[in-house]
């Protein structure tokens, strides 16, 4: 492992990024980490992450966020639950209800519940909450009251998606959503997995390709989604996502 797991690119033009965020309420930052540390995090997500599932299917018995934990993925009960949740998310999305499904390793939950003390995931979350990254977020967003971040590792595989939503948990301190992309190199537009933004008529106004070593930040609440990953796409849309908070 590299001596430093999470090293911010010193050549970022923070003033230019701040101007874009102020204008658009969102920004995509290319090459936000040094290449070496970004590749190390991608390796951890590819080879050292026990994936579970996160799903939701409004209008069904599975309303509200649901999980199949990593330890249950290989059990008969876990597989039955995953199949039932998958069918429910298809049905909910087909009705126009809110739904999502993707592979997940909930880093903060894992820390709180003591799943794997001393894991590299814990170290990644420490770096996300360290002064260097929090100050980068403050510099770009202009919000000097940002104090901490939560985080989860995500993997959007074939036919996985995140439905249109706004992230309205302002009362819980959510101020800025972030997505750190550690996708395989050369992700193609036809493979999907875009972070998409919408106007009040449902038109897509902007879409961020999940390019390797990019940081997306967006003011919440605002309408956005992750488009479904195509059935022919390779496995590789890895990310770390969460919310930067003011409390």
C-alpha atoms as a PDB file:
ATOM      1  CA  UNK A   1       0.000   0.000   0.000  1.00  0.00           C
ATOM      2  CA  UNK A   2       1.226   3.501  -0.738  1.00  0.00           C
ATOM      3  CA  UNK A   3       2.526   5.580   2.147  1.00  0.00           C
ATOM      4  CA  UNK A   4      -0.431   7.909   1.739  1.00  0.00           C
ATOM      5  CA  UNK A   5      -3.767   6.452   0.695  1.00  0.00           C
ATOM      6  CA  UNK A   6      -5.563   9.697  -0.121  1.00  0.00           C
ATOM      7  CA  UNK A   7      -3.512  12.552  -1.548  1.00  0.00           C
ATOM      8  CA  UNK A   8      -5.274  15.553  -3.068  1.00  0.00           C
ATOM      9  CA  UNK A   9      -3.912  16.800  -6.379  1.00  0.00           C
ATOM     10  CA  UNK A  10      -1.983  19.998  -5.512  1.00  0.00           C
ATOM     11  CA  UNK A  11      -2.572  21.466  -8.985  1.00  0.00           C
ATOM     12  CA  UNK A  12      -6.365  21.877  -8.663  1.00  0.00           C
ATOM     13  CA  UNK A  13      -7.602  25.363  -9.552  1.00  0.00           C
ATOM     14  CA  UNK A  14      -9.845  25.865  -6.547  1.00  0.00           C
ATOM     15  CA  UNK A  15     -10.976  29.362  -7.559  1.00  0.00           C
ATOM     16  CA  UNK A  16     -12.153  28.152 -10.981  1.00  0.00           C
ATOM     17  CA  UNK A  17     -13.925  25.167  -9.434  1.00  0.00           C
ATOM     18  CA  UNK A  18     -15.601  27.433  -6.883  1.00  0.00           C
ATOM     19  CA  UNK A  19     -16.855  29.694  -9.653  1.00  0.00           C
ATOM     20  CA  UNK A  20     -18.415  26.730 -11.449  1.00  0.00           C
ATOM     21  CA  UNK A  21     -20.059  25.432  -8.282  1.00  0.00           C
ATOM     22  CA  UNK A  22     -21.467  28.881  -7.496  1.00  0.00           C
ATOM     23  CA  UNK A  23     -22.884  29.181 -11.023  1.00  0.00           C
ATOM     24  CA  UNK A  24     -24.301  25.650 -11.378  1.00  0.00           C
ATOM     25  CA  UNK A  25     -24.720  24.407  -7.751  1.00  0.00           C
ATOM     26  CA  UNK A  26     -22.650  21.370  -8.794  1.00  0.00           C
ATOM     27  CA  UNK A  27     -19.227  20.607 -10.180  1.00  0.00           C
ATOM     28  CA  UNK A  28     -17.122  17.737 -11.477  1.00  0.00           C
ATOM     29  CA  UNK A  29     -13.465  17.859 -10.447  1.00  0.00           C
ATOM     30  CA  UNK A  30     -11.137  15.874 -12.717  1.00  0.00           C
ATOM     31  CA  UNK A  31      -8.016  14.206 -11.297  1.00  0.00           C
ATOM     32  CA  UNK A  32      -8.864  15.288  -7.770  1.00  0.00           C
ATOM     33  CA  UNK A  33      -6.397  12.822  -6.229  1.00  0.00           C
ATOM     34  CA  UNK A  34      -2.909  11.936  -7.329  1.00  0.00           C
ATOM     35  CA  UNK A  35      -3.020   9.033  -9.777  1.00  0.00           C
ATOM     36  CA  UNK A  36      -1.123   6.718  -7.430  1.00  0.00           C
ATOM     37  CA  UNK A  37      -3.508   7.107  -4.514  1.00  0.00           C
ATOM     38  CA  UNK A  38      -6.611   6.950  -6.735  1.00  0.00           C
ATOM     39  CA  UNK A  39      -5.397   3.642  -8.177  1.00  0.00           C
ATOM     40  CA  UNK A  40      -4.800   2.317  -4.664  1.00  0.00           C
ATOM     41  CA  UNK A  41      -8.380   3.114  -3.625  1.00  0.00           C
ATOM     42  CA  UNK A  42      -9.706   1.500  -6.795  1.00  0.00           C
ATOM     43  CA  UNK A  43      -7.733  -1.643  -5.992  1.00  0.00           C
ATOM     44  CA  UNK A  44      -9.306  -1.735  -2.518  1.00  0.00           C
ATOM     45  CA  UNK A  45     -12.792  -1.429  -4.028  1.00  0.00           C
ATOM     46  CA  UNK A  46     -12.064  -4.093  -6.655  1.00  0.00           C
ATOM     47  CA  UNK A  47     -10.241  -6.659  -4.560  1.00  0.00           C
ATOM     48  CA  UNK A  48     -10.748  -5.996  -0.848  1.00  0.00           C
ATOM     49  CA  UNK A  49     -14.391  -4.999  -0.481  1.00  0.00           C
ATOM     50  CA  UNK A  50     -17.096  -7.449   0.658  1.00  0.00           C
ATOM     51  CA  UNK A  51     -20.153  -6.218  -1.223  1.00  0.00           C
ATOM     52  CA  UNK A  52     -23.719  -6.297   0.007  1.00  0.00           C
ATOM     53  CA  UNK A  53     -26.776  -4.718  -1.598  1.00  0.00           C
ATOM     54  CA  UNK A  54     -28.738  -1.531  -1.018  1.00  0.00           C
ATOM     55  CA  UNK A  55     -32.265  -1.338  -2.418  1.00  0.00           C
ATOM     56  CA  UNK A  56     -35.528   0.532  -2.044  1.00  0.00           C
ATOM     57  CA  UNK A  57     -38.936   0.014  -3.650  1.00  0.00           C
ATOM     58  CA  UNK A  58     -41.562   2.567  -2.666  1.00  0.00           C
ATOM     59  CA  UNK A  59     -45.166   1.444  -2.914  1.00  0.00           C
ATOM     60  CA  UNK A  60     -44.195  -2.068  -1.760  1.00  0.00           C
ATOM     61  CA  UNK A  61     -43.396  -3.848   1.481  1.00  0.00           C
ATOM     62  CA  UNK A  62     -39.813  -2.675   0.941  1.00  0.00           C
ATOM     63  CA  UNK A  63     -40.519   1.051   1.277  1.00  0.00           C
ATOM     64  CA  UNK A  64     -37.521   2.745   2.872  1.00  0.00           C
ATOM     65  CA  UNK A  65     -33.879   1.828   2.388  1.00  0.00           C
ATOM     66  CA  UNK A  66     -33.203  -1.919   2.597  1.00  0.00           C
ATOM     67  CA  UNK A  67     -29.957  -3.860   2.874  1.00  0.00           C
ATOM     68  CA  UNK A  68     -28.600  -7.308   2.261  1.00  0.00           C
ATOM     69  CA  UNK A  69     -25.422  -7.247   4.311  1.00  0.00           C
ATOM     70  CA  UNK A  70     -22.177  -8.681   2.909  1.00  0.00           C
ATOM     71  CA  UNK A  71     -22.183 -11.536   5.403  1.00  0.00           C
ATOM     72  CA  UNK A  72     -25.635 -12.604   4.175  1.00  0.00           C
ATOM     73  CA  UNK A  73     -25.006 -12.457   0.436  1.00  0.00           C
ATOM     74  CA  UNK A  74     -23.949 -16.106   0.190  1.00  0.00           C
ATOM     75  CA  UNK A  75     -26.699 -17.542   2.388  1.00  0.00           C
ATOM     76  CA  UNK A  76     -30.007 -18.946   1.098  1.00  0.00           C
ATOM     77  CA  UNK A  77     -32.007 -16.398   3.108  1.00  0.00           C
ATOM     78  CA  UNK A  78     -29.841 -13.561   1.818  1.00  0.00           C
ATOM     79  CA  UNK A  79     -30.204 -14.704  -1.775  1.00  0.00           C
ATOM     80  CA  UNK A  80     -33.992 -15.009  -1.428  1.00  0.00           C
ATOM     81  CA  UNK A  81     -34.165 -11.523   0.062  1.00  0.00           C
ATOM     82  CA  UNK A  82     -31.988 -10.094  -2.732  1.00  0.00           C
ATOM     83  CA  UNK A  83     -34.231 -11.698  -5.382  1.00  0.00           C
ATOM     84  CA  UNK A  84     -37.394 -10.387  -3.731  1.00  0.00           C
ATOM     85  CA  UNK A  85     -35.920  -6.904  -3.416  1.00  0.00           C
ATOM     86  CA  UNK A  86     -34.763  -6.961  -7.034  1.00  0.00           C
ATOM     87  CA  UNK A  87     -38.247  -7.862  -8.272  1.00  0.00           C
ATOM     88  CA  UNK A  88     -39.779  -5.188  -6.055  1.00  0.00           C
ATOM     89  CA  UNK A  89     -37.456  -2.476  -7.347  1.00  0.00           C
ATOM     90  CA  UNK A  90     -38.336  -3.387 -10.948  1.00  0.00           C
ATOM     91  CA  UNK A  91     -42.044  -3.193 -10.136  1.00  0.00           C
ATOM     92  CA  UNK A  92     -41.699   0.096  -8.237  1.00  0.00           C
ATOM     93  CA  UNK A  93     -39.678   1.760 -10.977  1.00  0.00           C
ATOM     94  CA  UNK A  94     -42.175   0.487 -13.552  1.00  0.00           C
ATOM     95  CA  UNK A  95     -44.982   2.198 -11.636  1.00  0.00           C
ATOM     96  CA  UNK A  96     -43.015   5.421 -11.440  1.00  0.00           C
ATOM     97  CA  UNK A  97     -42.337   5.067  -7.709  1.00  0.00           C
ATOM     98  CA  UNK A  98     -38.943   5.818  -6.231  1.00  0.00           C
ATOM     99  CA  UNK A  99     -36.564   2.870  -6.365  1.00  0.00           C
ATOM    100  CA  UNK A 100     -32.878   2.033  -6.392  1.00  0.00           C
ATOM    101  CA  UNK A 101     -30.521  -0.926  -6.292  1.00  0.00           C
ATOM    102  CA  UNK A 102     -26.755  -1.150  -6.223  1.00  0.00           C
ATOM    103  CA  UNK A 103     -23.947  -3.009  -4.480  1.00  0.00           C
ATOM    104  CA  UNK A 104     -22.846  -1.371  -1.259  1.00  0.00           C
ATOM    105  CA  UNK A 105     -20.312  -1.501   1.525  1.00  0.00           C
ATOM    106  CA  UNK A 106     -21.585   0.968   4.159  1.00  0.00           C
ATOM    107  CA  UNK A 107     -18.312   2.225   5.597  1.00  0.00           C
ATOM    108  CA  UNK A 108     -19.738   4.295   8.459  1.00  0.00           C
ATOM    109  CA  UNK A 109     -22.093   1.494   9.515  1.00  0.00           C
ATOM    110  CA  UNK A 110     -19.220  -0.996   9.352  1.00  0.00           C
ATOM    111  CA  UNK A 111     -17.146   1.215  11.658  1.00  0.00           C
ATOM    112  CA  UNK A 112     -19.986   1.779  14.109  1.00  0.00           C
ATOM    113  CA  UNK A 113     -20.792  -1.945  14.273  1.00  0.00           C
ATOM    114  CA  UNK A 114     -17.179  -3.130  14.327  1.00  0.00           C
ATOM    115  CA  UNK A 115     -17.270  -5.293  11.192  1.00  0.00           C
ATOM    116  CA  UNK A 116     -13.575  -5.096  10.344  1.00  0.00           C
ATOM    117  CA  UNK A 117     -11.485  -2.964  12.712  1.00  0.00           C
ATOM    118  CA  UNK A 118      -8.436  -1.478  11.030  1.00  0.00           C
ATOM    119  CA  UNK A 119      -9.713  -2.061   7.490  1.00  0.00           C
ATOM    120  CA  UNK A 120      -8.539   0.209   4.648  1.00  0.00           C
ATOM    121  CA  UNK A 121     -12.143   1.430   4.346  1.00  0.00           C
ATOM    122  CA  UNK A 122     -11.871   2.949   7.815  1.00  0.00           C
ATOM    123  CA  UNK A 123      -8.694   4.738   6.747  1.00  0.00           C
ATOM    124  CA  UNK A 124     -10.397   6.094   3.612  1.00  0.00           C
ATOM    125  CA  UNK A 125     -13.214   7.578   5.692  1.00  0.00           C
ATOM    126  CA  UNK A 126     -10.651   9.107   8.046  1.00  0.00           C
ATOM    127  CA  UNK A 127      -9.014  10.841   5.085  1.00  0.00           C
ATOM    128  CA  UNK A 128     -12.391  12.097   3.846  1.00  0.00           C
ATOM    129  CA  UNK A 129     -12.930  13.663   7.276  1.00  0.00           C
ATOM    130  CA  UNK A 130      -9.382  15.008   7.578  1.00  0.00           C
ATOM    131  CA  UNK A 131      -8.784  18.772   7.361  1.00  0.00           C
ATOM    132  CA  UNK A 132      -7.279  18.566   3.860  1.00  0.00           C
ATOM    133  CA  UNK A 133     -10.402  17.193   2.175  1.00  0.00           C
ATOM    134  CA  UNK A 134     -12.905  19.125   4.303  1.00  0.00           C
ATOM    135  CA  UNK A 135     -11.054  22.337   3.410  1.00  0.00           C
ATOM    136  CA  UNK A 136     -11.097  21.423  -0.286  1.00  0.00           C
ATOM    137  CA  UNK A 137     -14.872  20.997  -0.038  1.00  0.00           C
ATOM    138  CA  UNK A 138     -15.191  24.339   1.759  1.00  0.00           C
ATOM    139  CA  UNK A 139     -13.031  26.083  -0.840  1.00  0.00           C
ATOM    140  CA  UNK A 140     -15.069  24.755  -3.770  1.00  0.00           C
ATOM    141  CA  UNK A 141     -18.580  25.054  -2.314  1.00  0.00           C
ATOM    142  CA  UNK A 142     -18.025  28.236  -0.326  1.00  0.00           C
ATOM    143  CA  UNK A 143     -19.622  26.615   2.741  1.00  0.00           C
ATOM    144  CA  UNK A 144     -17.185  27.226   5.564  1.00  0.00           C
ATOM    145  CA  UNK A 145     -19.511  25.458   8.036  1.00  0.00           C
ATOM    146  CA  UNK A 146     -18.846  21.981   6.596  1.00  0.00           C
ATOM    147  CA  UNK A 147     -17.455  19.890   9.430  1.00  0.00           C
ATOM    148  CA  UNK A 148     -17.675  16.186   8.559  1.00  0.00           C
ATOM    149  CA  UNK A 149     -18.741  13.576   6.023  1.00  0.00           C
ATOM    150  CA  UNK A 150     -20.228  10.103   6.054  1.00  0.00           C
ATOM    151  CA  UNK A 151     -19.465   7.560   3.348  1.00  0.00           C
ATOM    152  CA  UNK A 152     -20.288   4.310   1.631  1.00  0.00           C
ATOM    153  CA  UNK A 153     -18.537   2.341  -1.083  1.00  0.00           C
ATOM    154  CA  UNK A 154     -20.799   1.624  -4.062  1.00  0.00           C
ATOM    155  CA  UNK A 155     -20.655  -0.549  -7.141  1.00  0.00           C
ATOM    156  CA  UNK A 156     -23.313  -0.134  -9.827  1.00  0.00           C
ATOM    157  CA  UNK A 157     -23.323  -3.392 -11.763  1.00  0.00           C
ATOM    158  CA  UNK A 158     -25.501  -4.443 -14.705  1.00  0.00           C
ATOM    159  CA  UNK A 159     -29.133  -3.244 -14.463  1.00  0.00           C
ATOM    160  CA  UNK A 160     -28.471  -1.302 -11.263  1.00  0.00           C
ATOM    161  CA  UNK A 161     -29.627   2.292 -10.861  1.00  0.00           C
ATOM    162  CA  UNK A 162     -30.598   5.105  -8.509  1.00  0.00           C
ATOM    163  CA  UNK A 163     -33.977   6.679  -9.220  1.00  0.00           C
ATOM    164  CA  UNK A 164     -34.780  10.370  -9.412  1.00  0.00           C
ATOM    165  CA  UNK A 165     -34.623  12.003  -5.972  1.00  0.00           C
ATOM    166  CA  UNK A 166     -33.536  15.227  -4.294  1.00  0.00           C
ATOM    167  CA  UNK A 167     -31.664  14.315  -1.042  1.00  0.00           C
ATOM    168  CA  UNK A 168     -33.874  16.416   1.228  1.00  0.00           C
ATOM    169  CA  UNK A 169     -32.362  15.515   4.626  1.00  0.00           C
ATOM    170  CA  UNK A 170     -31.292  19.086   5.359  1.00  0.00           C
ATOM    171  CA  UNK A 171     -32.448  18.775   8.965  1.00  0.00           C
ATOM    172  CA  UNK A 172     -29.860  16.013   9.442  1.00  0.00           C
ATOM    173  CA  UNK A 173     -27.076  18.338   8.334  1.00  0.00           C
ATOM    174  CA  UNK A 174     -26.833  17.197   4.708  1.00  0.00           C
ATOM    175  CA  UNK A 175     -25.539  20.152   2.740  1.00  0.00           C
ATOM    176  CA  UNK A 176     -23.465  18.831  -0.179  1.00  0.00           C
ATOM    177  CA  UNK A 177     -23.574  15.358  -1.729  1.00  0.00           C
ATOM    178  CA  UNK A 178     -20.314  13.984  -3.053  1.00  0.00           C
ATOM    179  CA  UNK A 179     -19.332  11.146  -5.394  1.00  0.00           C
ATOM    180  CA  UNK A 180     -15.716  10.030  -5.742  1.00  0.00           C
ATOM    181  CA  UNK A 181     -15.453   7.941  -8.913  1.00  0.00           C
ATOM    182  CA  UNK A 182     -12.921   5.114  -9.079  1.00  0.00           C
ATOM    183  CA  UNK A 183     -14.337   3.531 -12.219  1.00  0.00           C
ATOM    184  CA  UNK A 184     -12.300   1.281 -14.487  1.00  0.00           C
ATOM    185  CA  UNK A 185     -10.369   3.220 -17.121  1.00  0.00           C
ATOM    186  CA  UNK A 186     -12.131   4.071 -20.365  1.00  0.00           C
ATOM    187  CA  UNK A 187     -15.730   3.953 -19.151  1.00  0.00           C
ATOM    188  CA  UNK A 188     -17.915   4.387 -22.248  1.00  0.00           C
ATOM    189  CA  UNK A 189     -20.983   6.630 -22.456  1.00  0.00           C
ATOM    190  CA  UNK A 190     -23.100   3.731 -23.771  1.00  0.00           C
ATOM    191  CA  UNK A 191     -22.473   1.833 -20.547  1.00  0.00           C
ATOM    192  CA  UNK A 192     -24.637   4.230 -18.510  1.00  0.00           C
ATOM    193  CA  UNK A 193     -24.120   4.950 -14.828  1.00  0.00           C
ATOM    194  CA  UNK A 194     -24.278   8.725 -15.355  1.00  0.00           C
ATOM    195  CA  UNK A 195     -25.002  11.131 -12.531  1.00  0.00           C
ATOM    196  CA  UNK A 196     -27.854  13.086 -14.148  1.00  0.00           C
ATOM    197  CA  UNK A 197     -29.546  16.398 -13.348  1.00  0.00           C
ATOM    198  CA  UNK A 198     -33.041  17.499 -14.350  1.00  0.00           C
ATOM    199  CA  UNK A 199     -35.150  20.601 -14.868  1.00  0.00           C
ATOM    200  CA  UNK A 200     -38.761  20.973 -13.680  1.00  0.00           C
ATOM    201  CA  UNK A 201     -40.033  19.437 -16.941  1.00  0.00           C
ATOM    202  CA  UNK A 202     -38.012  16.268 -16.505  1.00  0.00           C
ATOM    203  CA  UNK A 203     -35.416  17.130 -19.134  1.00  0.00           C
ATOM    204  CA  UNK A 204     -31.814  16.139 -18.462  1.00  0.00           C
ATOM    205  CA  UNK A 205     -29.856  19.362 -18.150  1.00  0.00           C
ATOM    206  CA  UNK A 206     -26.445  17.850 -17.374  1.00  0.00           C
ATOM    207  CA  UNK A 207     -24.839  14.449 -16.967  1.00  0.00           C
ATOM    208  CA  UNK A 208     -21.507  13.505 -15.387  1.00  0.00           C
ATOM    209  CA  UNK A 209     -19.734  10.472 -16.829  1.00  0.00           C
ATOM    210  CA  UNK A 210     -18.338   8.326 -13.981  1.00  0.00           C
ATOM    211  CA  UNK A 211     -14.778   8.909 -15.162  1.00  0.00           C
ATOM    212  CA  UNK A 212     -11.940   7.534 -13.041  1.00  0.00           C
ATOM    213  CA  UNK A 213     -10.558   9.872 -10.364  1.00  0.00           C
ATOM    214  CA  UNK A 214     -13.282  12.492 -10.588  1.00  0.00           C
ATOM    215  CA  UNK A 215     -15.021  14.136  -7.654  1.00  0.00           C
ATOM    216  CA  UNK A 216     -18.628  15.274  -8.093  1.00  0.00           C
ATOM    217  CA  UNK A 217     -20.162  17.670  -5.579  1.00  0.00           C
ATOM    218  CA  UNK A 218     -23.724  18.961  -5.660  1.00  0.00           C
ATOM    219  CA  UNK A 219     -25.772  21.204  -3.445  1.00  0.00           C
ATOM    220  CA  UNK A 220     -28.770  19.389  -1.947  1.00  0.00           C
ATOM    221  CA  UNK A 221     -31.663  19.275  -2.352  1.00  0.00           C
ATOM    222  CA  UNK A 222     -31.777  19.181  -6.161  1.00  0.00           C
ATOM    223  CA  UNK A 223     -33.232  16.558  -8.552  1.00  0.00           C
ATOM    224  CA  UNK A 224     -30.730  13.948  -9.708  1.00  0.00           C
ATOM    225  CA  UNK A 225     -30.372  10.246 -10.444  1.00  0.00           C
ATOM    226  CA  UNK A 226     -27.882   7.611 -11.564  1.00  0.00           C
ATOM    227  CA  UNK A 227     -28.865   6.109 -14.904  1.00  0.00           C
ATOM    228  CA  UNK A 228     -29.114   2.339 -15.184  1.00  0.00           C
ATOM    229  CA  UNK A 229     -25.893   0.549 -16.050  1.00  0.00           C
ATOM    230  CA  UNK A 230     -26.332  -1.271 -19.361  1.00  0.00           C
ATOM    231  CA  UNK A 231     -26.598  -5.085 -19.417  1.00  0.00           C
ATOM    232  CA  UNK A 232     -23.518  -5.252 -21.659  1.00  0.00           C
ATOM    233  CA  UNK A 233     -21.355  -2.987 -19.480  1.00  0.00           C
ATOM    234  CA  UNK A 234     -18.301  -4.473 -17.766  1.00  0.00           C
ATOM    235  CA  UNK A 235     -18.092  -4.573 -13.988  1.00  0.00           C
ATOM    236  CA  UNK A 236     -16.384  -1.412 -12.890  1.00  0.00           C
ATOM    237  CA  UNK A 237     -18.499   1.572 -11.796  1.00  0.00           C
ATOM    238  CA  UNK A 238     -16.872   1.897  -8.392  1.00  0.00           C
ATOM    239  CA  UNK A 239     -17.346   4.949  -6.195  1.00  0.00           C
ATOM    240  CA  UNK A 240     -17.343   6.304  -2.671  1.00  0.00           C
ATOM    241  CA  UNK A 241     -20.355   8.485  -1.968  1.00  0.00           C
ATOM    242  CA  UNK A 242     -21.920  10.374   0.903  1.00  0.00           C
ATOM    243  CA  UNK A 243     -22.859  13.765   2.235  1.00  0.00           C
ATOM    244  CA  UNK A 244     -20.812  16.625   3.587  1.00  0.00           C
ATOM    245  CA  UNK A 245     -22.520  17.960   6.696  1.00  0.00           C
ATOM    246  CA  UNK A 246     -22.690  21.104   8.754  1.00  0.00           C
ATOM    247  CA  UNK A 247     -23.435  19.169  11.932  1.00  0.00           C
END
